[in-house]
Amino acid sequence: MTRYARQIQLPAMGATGQQRLTAASVLVVGAGGLAAPVLPLLAGAGVGRITVLDPDTVALSNLHRQTLFAEADVGAPKATIANARMQALNSDIEVTALQKAFAPDMAPALIAAHDIVLDCADSYAASYLASDLCLAAGTPLISASVLGHGGYVGGFCGGAPSLRAVFPDAPDSGASCATAGVLGPVVAQIGAMQAQMALQVLLGAVPSPLGTLVQVNTTGWHHARMDFHSAPEPDRAFAFVTPGPDDLIVELRPEAEAPTPIHPNARRTLPDAPDPRRLVLACATGLRAWRTAEEFSKTWPGEIALAAATTTHVTKDTSS
């Protein structure tokens, strides 16, 4: 217990709390900027089993905020390098690295195998997918988002309302760290808060961070806390799915943008007559699909779902 002596002496921790962490399993979606503080903090705290999922490789433009990586790692898989860093920090824990996207067809089994999910992906399609599945499974989700000089971190599902209950509408913008920029210390601050929330959930802390959202604005050095325990789940939600052969799939990206559609059976025009099949609207990030679904659902009688290339078979940017 020498390794954990400084945290075991905390009244809310003790040997019992350390045993709970040793027995815990955490799924971390994304190995980018948020994961840079999250992963070593969880490993250092002695979380017994950590799975990190990311399909991307390290880029030079990642290094200012993705501090798990060095110049020598450029071009290497993020998940693999993150695995090595965590094992070097704590050889007593079990770490699994998966160089895969967080896709609808494989995500349910991954979530079922872990006690808690941390959403560290720079993809709101992945965030909503994780929230939908965690809500159904009763699994806590700690989700965070960073852009520019601020962001938020919150505890969802696991008995608390979902991400959709707090953010039920399509995002106003498809901006990401890659398109709008971000400062490294902002990402590190919110990632550290994300790790703290996860540890509190695993330790059964009272009050629980589930049902709580913290907004961070470093421009004015302002933090705001919001409780959303009573937030209602939306009456209708467009789920992110993996398109299948029985679906009516519409690729919303023009051929110039996406010469290869998201599925071989995809068409590029919206249907002009009702169809008994599930309508799946697809685009790069899911934003165009979501907005189209909101409008098209006013007259379309059947089920509408969404597909995003970032959560299907095309690699995604998990820069934050």
Protein backbone atom coordinates (compact mmCIF):
# COMPACT_ATOMS: atom_id res chain seq x y z
CA MET A 1 0.00 0.00 0.00
CA THR A 2 3.02 2.33 -0.03
CA ARG A 3 2.11 3.42 -3.57
CA TYR A 4 -1.33 4.63 -2.45
CA ALA A 5 -0.43 5.86 1.06
CA ARG A 6 -1.23 9.50 0.38
CA GLN A 7 -4.76 8.80 -0.83
CA ILE A 8 -5.54 5.97 1.60
CA GLN A 9 -5.10 8.34 4.52
CA LEU A 10 -8.06 10.41 3.30
CA PRO A 11 -11.10 9.78 5.56
CA ALA A 12 -13.35 9.13 2.56
CA MET A 13 -10.89 6.63 1.10
CA GLY A 14 -9.08 4.25 3.42
CA ALA A 15 -8.11 0.69 2.56
CA THR A 16 -11.72 -0.15 1.69
CA GLY A 17 -11.85 2.62 -0.89
CA GLN A 18 -8.55 1.50 -2.39
CA GLN A 19 -9.92 -2.02 -2.72
CA ARG A 20 -12.93 -0.63 -4.57
CA LEU A 21 -10.64 1.10 -7.05
CA THR A 22 -8.57 -2.04 -7.51
CA ALA A 23 -11.73 -3.99 -8.35
CA ALA A 24 -13.09 -1.29 -10.71
CA SER A 25 -13.12 -1.26 -14.49
CA VAL A 26 -13.22 1.90 -16.59
CA LEU A 27 -13.81 2.39 -20.31
CA VAL A 28 -12.17 5.54 -21.71
CA VAL A 29 -13.42 6.55 -25.15
CA GLY A 30 -10.74 8.62 -26.83
CA ALA A 31 -7.02 8.94 -26.07
CA GLY A 32 -6.61 12.62 -26.94
CA GLY A 33 -6.35 15.80 -24.90
CA LEU A 34 -8.93 14.99 -22.22
CA ALA A 35 -7.49 11.51 -21.81
CA ALA A 36 -3.99 12.95 -21.30
CA PRO A 37 -4.75 13.79 -17.64
CA VAL A 38 -7.54 11.23 -17.23
CA LEU A 39 -5.53 8.11 -18.01
CA PRO A 40 -2.46 8.68 -15.79
CA LEU A 41 -4.66 9.92 -12.94
CA LEU A 42 -6.80 6.79 -13.06
CA ALA A 43 -3.75 4.56 -13.42
CA GLY A 44 -1.95 6.37 -10.61
CA ALA A 45 -4.98 6.02 -8.34
CA GLY A 46 -4.90 2.24 -8.85
CA VAL A 47 -8.03 1.63 -10.93
CA GLY A 48 -7.66 -2.08 -11.57
CA ARG A 49 -8.77 -2.38 -15.18
CA ILE A 50 -8.73 0.35 -17.83
CA THR A 51 -9.71 0.01 -21.47
CA VAL A 52 -8.77 2.85 -23.81
CA LEU A 53 -10.35 3.11 -27.24
CA ASP A 54 -9.10 5.33 -30.07
CA PRO A 55 -8.66 4.66 -33.81
CA ASP A 56 -6.23 7.51 -34.51
CA THR A 57 -2.49 8.06 -34.60
CA VAL A 58 -0.46 10.82 -32.94
CA ALA A 59 0.00 14.01 -34.97
CA LEU A 60 2.42 16.86 -34.35
CA SER A 61 -0.52 19.26 -33.92
CA ASN A 62 -1.77 17.10 -31.01
CA LEU A 63 1.26 17.58 -28.79
CA HIS A 64 0.41 20.96 -27.26
CA ARG A 65 -2.53 19.42 -25.39
CA GLN A 66 -2.13 15.63 -25.67
CA THR A 67 0.68 15.47 -23.13
CA LEU A 68 0.79 11.67 -22.97
CA PHE A 69 2.67 11.79 -26.25
CA ALA A 70 6.12 12.97 -27.41
CA GLU A 71 7.59 13.92 -30.78
CA ALA A 72 8.90 10.39 -31.19
CA ASP A 73 5.30 9.07 -31.00
CA VAL A 74 4.09 10.97 -34.08
CA GLY A 75 2.48 8.46 -36.45
CA ALA A 76 2.03 5.80 -33.76
CA PRO A 77 -1.41 4.63 -32.55
CA LYS A 78 -2.66 6.78 -29.69
CA ALA A 79 -4.21 3.86 -27.82
CA THR A 80 -0.98 1.85 -27.97
CA ILE A 81 1.18 4.72 -26.70
CA ALA A 82 -1.33 5.54 -23.96
CA ASN A 83 -1.25 1.90 -22.89
CA ALA A 84 2.53 1.95 -22.61
CA ARG A 85 2.50 5.17 -20.58
CA MET A 86 -0.03 3.80 -18.10
CA GLN A 87 1.78 0.49 -17.71
CA ALA A 88 5.02 2.40 -17.07
CA LEU A 89 3.25 4.40 -14.38
CA ASN A 90 1.57 1.44 -12.67
CA SER A 91 2.47 -2.12 -13.63
CA ASP A 92 -0.05 -3.53 -11.14
CA ILE A 93 -3.10 -2.55 -13.20
CA GLU A 94 -4.52 -4.17 -16.34
CA VAL A 95 -4.69 -1.94 -19.42
CA THR A 96 -6.29 -2.85 -22.75
CA ALA A 97 -5.73 -0.69 -25.83
CA LEU A 98 -8.16 -0.89 -28.75
CA GLN A 99 -7.32 0.96 -31.96
CA LYS A 100 -10.96 1.17 -33.02
CA ALA A 101 -13.71 3.77 -33.34
CA PHE A 102 -16.50 3.76 -30.77
CA ALA A 103 -19.07 2.24 -33.11
CA PRO A 104 -22.75 1.42 -32.40
CA ASP A 105 -22.35 -2.26 -33.25
CA MET A 106 -19.56 -2.94 -30.73
CA ALA A 107 -20.18 -0.29 -28.05
CA PRO A 108 -22.92 -2.11 -26.05
CA ALA A 109 -20.67 -5.08 -25.25
CA LEU A 110 -17.82 -2.76 -24.24
CA ILE A 111 -20.05 -0.76 -21.91
CA ALA A 112 -21.48 -3.93 -20.36
CA ALA A 113 -17.96 -5.06 -19.46
CA HIS A 114 -17.10 -1.92 -17.45
CA ASP A 115 -18.31 -0.15 -14.32
CA ILE A 116 -18.13 3.36 -15.72
CA VAL A 117 -17.55 5.09 -19.07
CA LEU A 118 -15.51 8.25 -19.61
CA ASP A 119 -16.29 10.15 -22.79
CA CYS A 120 -13.02 11.79 -23.84
CA ALA A 121 -13.80 11.89 -27.56
CA ASP A 122 -14.00 15.05 -29.65
CA SER A 123 -17.15 13.76 -31.34
CA TYR A 124 -20.64 14.60 -30.18
CA ALA A 125 -21.90 11.57 -32.15
CA ALA A 126 -19.75 9.37 -29.87
CA SER A 127 -20.95 11.34 -26.83
CA TYR A 128 -24.64 10.84 -27.60
CA LEU A 129 -24.06 7.20 -28.54
CA ALA A 130 -22.32 6.61 -25.21
CA SER A 131 -25.10 8.40 -23.35
CA ASP A 132 -27.89 6.44 -25.04
CA LEU A 133 -26.21 3.11 -24.32
CA CYS A 134 -25.17 4.01 -20.75
CA LEU A 135 -28.73 5.15 -19.97
CA ALA A 136 -30.10 1.83 -21.22
CA ALA A 137 -27.49 -0.16 -19.29
CA GLY A 138 -27.66 1.89 -16.09
CA THR A 139 -23.94 2.62 -16.38
CA PRO A 140 -22.51 5.95 -15.15
CA LEU A 141 -21.06 8.21 -17.85
CA ILE A 142 -18.63 11.06 -17.20
CA SER A 143 -18.69 13.20 -20.33
CA ALA A 144 -16.63 16.28 -21.08
CA SER A 145 -16.23 18.71 -23.94
CA VAL A 146 -13.64 21.42 -24.56
CA LEU A 147 -13.42 24.15 -27.18
CA GLY A 148 -11.44 27.36 -27.27
CA HIS A 149 -11.12 28.70 -23.73
CA GLY A 150 -13.80 26.64 -22.00
CA GLY A 151 -15.98 23.60 -21.80
CA TYR A 152 -17.88 21.40 -19.40
CA VAL A 153 -17.75 18.12 -17.53
CA GLY A 154 -20.75 16.27 -16.15
CA GLY A 155 -21.95 13.03 -14.59
CA PHE A 156 -24.74 11.38 -16.58
CA CYS A 157 -26.78 8.16 -16.56
CA GLY A 158 -26.25 5.50 -13.87
CA GLY A 159 -29.44 6.71 -12.17
CA ALA A 160 -29.06 10.33 -13.30
CA PRO A 161 -30.51 11.92 -16.45
CA SER A 162 -28.69 11.40 -19.72
CA LEU A 163 -26.71 13.80 -21.88
CA ARG A 164 -29.79 14.19 -24.08
CA ALA A 165 -31.82 15.37 -21.09
CA VAL A 166 -29.41 18.29 -20.66
CA PHE A 167 -28.63 18.87 -24.35
CA PRO A 168 -31.69 17.55 -26.26
CA ASP A 169 -31.18 19.55 -29.47
CA ALA A 170 -28.65 19.29 -32.26
CA PRO A 171 -25.50 21.33 -31.55
CA ASP A 172 -25.46 24.85 -32.96
CA SER A 173 -22.10 24.23 -34.57
CA GLY A 174 -19.99 21.38 -35.78
CA ALA A 175 -16.84 23.10 -34.55
CA SER A 176 -14.09 20.96 -33.04
CA CYS A 177 -10.64 21.54 -31.59
CA ALA A 178 -9.26 20.97 -35.08
CA THR A 179 -11.43 23.72 -36.61
CA ALA A 180 -11.89 26.22 -33.76
CA GLY A 181 -8.73 25.78 -31.69
CA VAL A 182 -8.14 25.06 -28.01
CA LEU A 183 -5.56 25.79 -25.33
CA GLY A 184 -3.80 22.88 -23.62
CA PRO A 185 -4.29 24.00 -20.00
CA VAL A 186 -8.06 24.26 -20.50
CA VAL A 187 -8.18 20.66 -21.71
CA ALA A 188 -5.97 19.51 -18.84
CA GLN A 189 -8.12 21.27 -16.25
CA ILE A 190 -11.37 19.75 -17.47
CA GLY A 191 -9.77 16.32 -17.97
CA ALA A 192 -8.53 16.35 -14.37
CA MET A 193 -12.06 17.19 -13.19
CA GLN A 194 -13.35 14.32 -15.30
CA ALA A 195 -10.96 11.89 -13.59
CA GLN A 196 -11.98 13.22 -10.16
CA MET A 197 -15.68 12.70 -10.95
CA ALA A 198 -14.97 9.14 -12.08
CA LEU A 199 -13.07 8.33 -8.89
CA GLN A 200 -15.87 9.78 -6.77
CA VAL A 201 -18.44 7.60 -8.54
CA LEU A 202 -16.30 4.49 -8.14
CA LEU A 203 -15.80 5.25 -4.44
CA GLY A 204 -19.51 5.86 -3.87
CA ALA A 205 -18.90 9.42 -2.71
CA VAL A 206 -21.78 11.38 -1.19
CA PRO A 207 -22.95 13.58 -2.75
CA SER A 208 -22.41 11.84 -6.05
CA PRO A 209 -21.24 13.87 -9.05
CA LEU A 210 -23.90 12.15 -11.16
CA GLY A 211 -26.57 14.67 -12.07
CA THR A 212 -24.06 17.54 -11.86
CA LEU A 213 -22.56 19.65 -14.64
CA VAL A 214 -19.62 22.01 -14.21
CA GLN A 215 -19.01 24.68 -16.85
CA VAL A 216 -15.55 26.19 -17.15
CA ASN A 217 -14.70 29.52 -18.76
CA THR A 218 -11.04 30.42 -18.43
CA THR A 219 -11.44 33.73 -20.27
CA GLY A 220 -13.21 35.22 -17.25
CA TRP A 221 -11.96 32.58 -14.78
CA HIS A 222 -15.52 31.51 -14.17
CA HIS A 223 -16.82 28.12 -13.05
CA ALA A 224 -20.55 27.41 -12.85
CA ARG A 225 -22.18 24.33 -11.32
CA MET A 226 -25.59 23.06 -12.35
CA ASP A 227 -27.68 20.24 -10.90
CA PHE A 228 -29.90 18.46 -13.43
CA HIS A 229 -31.32 15.60 -11.36
CA SER A 230 -34.87 16.46 -12.43
CA ALA A 231 -34.16 17.04 -16.13
CA PRO A 232 -36.65 15.02 -18.22
CA GLU A 233 -35.54 12.69 -20.96
CA PRO A 234 -36.65 13.95 -24.40
CA ASP A 235 -39.80 12.42 -25.86
CA ARG A 236 -38.05 11.68 -29.14
CA ALA A 237 -34.40 11.10 -29.91
CA PHE A 238 -32.58 10.15 -33.09
CA ALA A 239 -30.22 7.32 -32.20
CA PHE A 240 -26.79 6.88 -33.77
CA VAL A 241 -26.61 3.45 -35.41
CA THR A 242 -24.52 1.35 -37.74
CA PRO A 243 -26.46 1.18 -41.04
CA GLY A 244 -27.56 -2.30 -42.03
CA PRO A 245 -28.73 -3.98 -45.25
CA ASP A 246 -32.37 -3.72 -44.20
CA ASP A 247 -32.23 0.05 -43.70
CA LEU A 248 -33.14 2.81 -46.13
CA ILE A 249 -29.81 4.67 -46.03
CA VAL A 250 -29.38 8.20 -47.32
CA GLU A 251 -25.84 9.57 -47.64
CA LEU A 252 -26.19 13.34 -47.22
CA ARG A 253 -22.64 14.13 -48.26
CA PRO A 254 -22.28 14.93 -51.97
CA GLU A 255 -20.12 12.67 -54.05
CA ALA A 256 -17.37 15.29 -54.24
CA GLU A 257 -17.10 15.23 -50.44
CA ALA A 258 -17.57 11.50 -49.95
CA PRO A 259 -16.90 9.50 -53.13
CA THR A 260 -17.47 6.32 -51.12
CA PRO A 261 -20.75 6.51 -49.20
CA ILE A 262 -21.06 5.31 -45.63
CA HIS A 263 -22.71 2.05 -46.81
CA PRO A 264 -22.80 0.27 -50.20
CA ASN A 265 -26.61 0.41 -50.20
CA ALA A 266 -26.76 4.13 -49.52
CA ARG A 267 -28.56 6.53 -51.88
CA ARG A 268 -27.89 10.26 -52.09
CA THR A 269 -31.44 11.59 -52.30
CA LEU A 270 -34.14 11.72 -49.63
CA PRO A 271 -37.19 9.49 -50.25
CA ASP A 272 -40.28 11.20 -51.63
CA ALA A 273 -42.72 8.54 -50.41
CA PRO A 274 -43.14 6.59 -47.13
CA ASP A 275 -41.12 3.41 -46.76
CA PRO A 276 -41.53 0.69 -44.11
CA ARG A 277 -37.78 0.45 -43.57
CA ARG A 278 -35.87 2.39 -40.93
CA LEU A 279 -34.57 5.60 -42.47
CA VAL A 280 -30.90 6.17 -41.66
CA LEU A 281 -29.48 9.59 -42.48
CA ALA A 282 -25.70 9.66 -42.76
CA CYS A 283 -23.00 12.31 -42.92
CA ALA A 284 -19.46 12.90 -41.66
CA THR A 285 -20.12 13.92 -38.05
CA GLY A 286 -23.87 13.34 -37.69
CA LEU A 287 -24.72 17.06 -37.47
CA ARG A 288 -26.23 17.38 -40.95
CA ALA A 289 -28.03 14.10 -40.42
CA TRP A 290 -29.48 15.29 -37.11
CA ARG A 291 -30.70 18.60 -38.50
CA THR A 292 -32.18 16.87 -41.54
CA ALA A 293 -33.92 14.36 -39.28
CA GLU A 294 -35.47 17.14 -37.21
CA GLU A 295 -37.00 18.68 -40.33
CA PHE A 296 -37.83 15.45 -42.17
CA SER A 297 -39.51 13.89 -39.13
CA LYS A 298 -42.31 16.45 -39.39
CA THR A 299 -43.73 14.48 -42.33
CA TRP A 300 -41.94 11.11 -42.24
CA PRO A 301 -44.11 8.55 -40.40
CA GLY A 302 -41.47 5.92 -39.65
CA GLU A 303 -38.33 5.57 -37.54
CA ILE A 304 -35.38 7.82 -38.31
CA ALA A 305 -31.84 7.09 -37.11
CA LEU A 306 -28.47 8.73 -37.69
CA ALA A 307 -25.10 7.47 -38.85
CA ALA A 308 -21.81 9.35 -38.55
CA ALA A 309 -18.65 8.38 -40.36
CA THR A 310 -16.77 9.31 -37.18
CA THR A 311 -18.44 6.44 -35.31
CA THR A 312 -18.65 3.93 -38.14
CA HIS A 313 -15.65 2.91 -40.23
CA VAL A 314 -13.89 6.20 -40.96
CA THR A 315 -11.30 7.40 -38.44
CA LYS A 316 -12.28 10.32 -36.25
CA ASP A 317 -10.47 13.26 -34.68
CA THR A 318 -10.28 12.73 -30.93
CA SER A 319 -8.11 15.78 -30.53
CA SER A 320 -9.72 16.81 -27.27
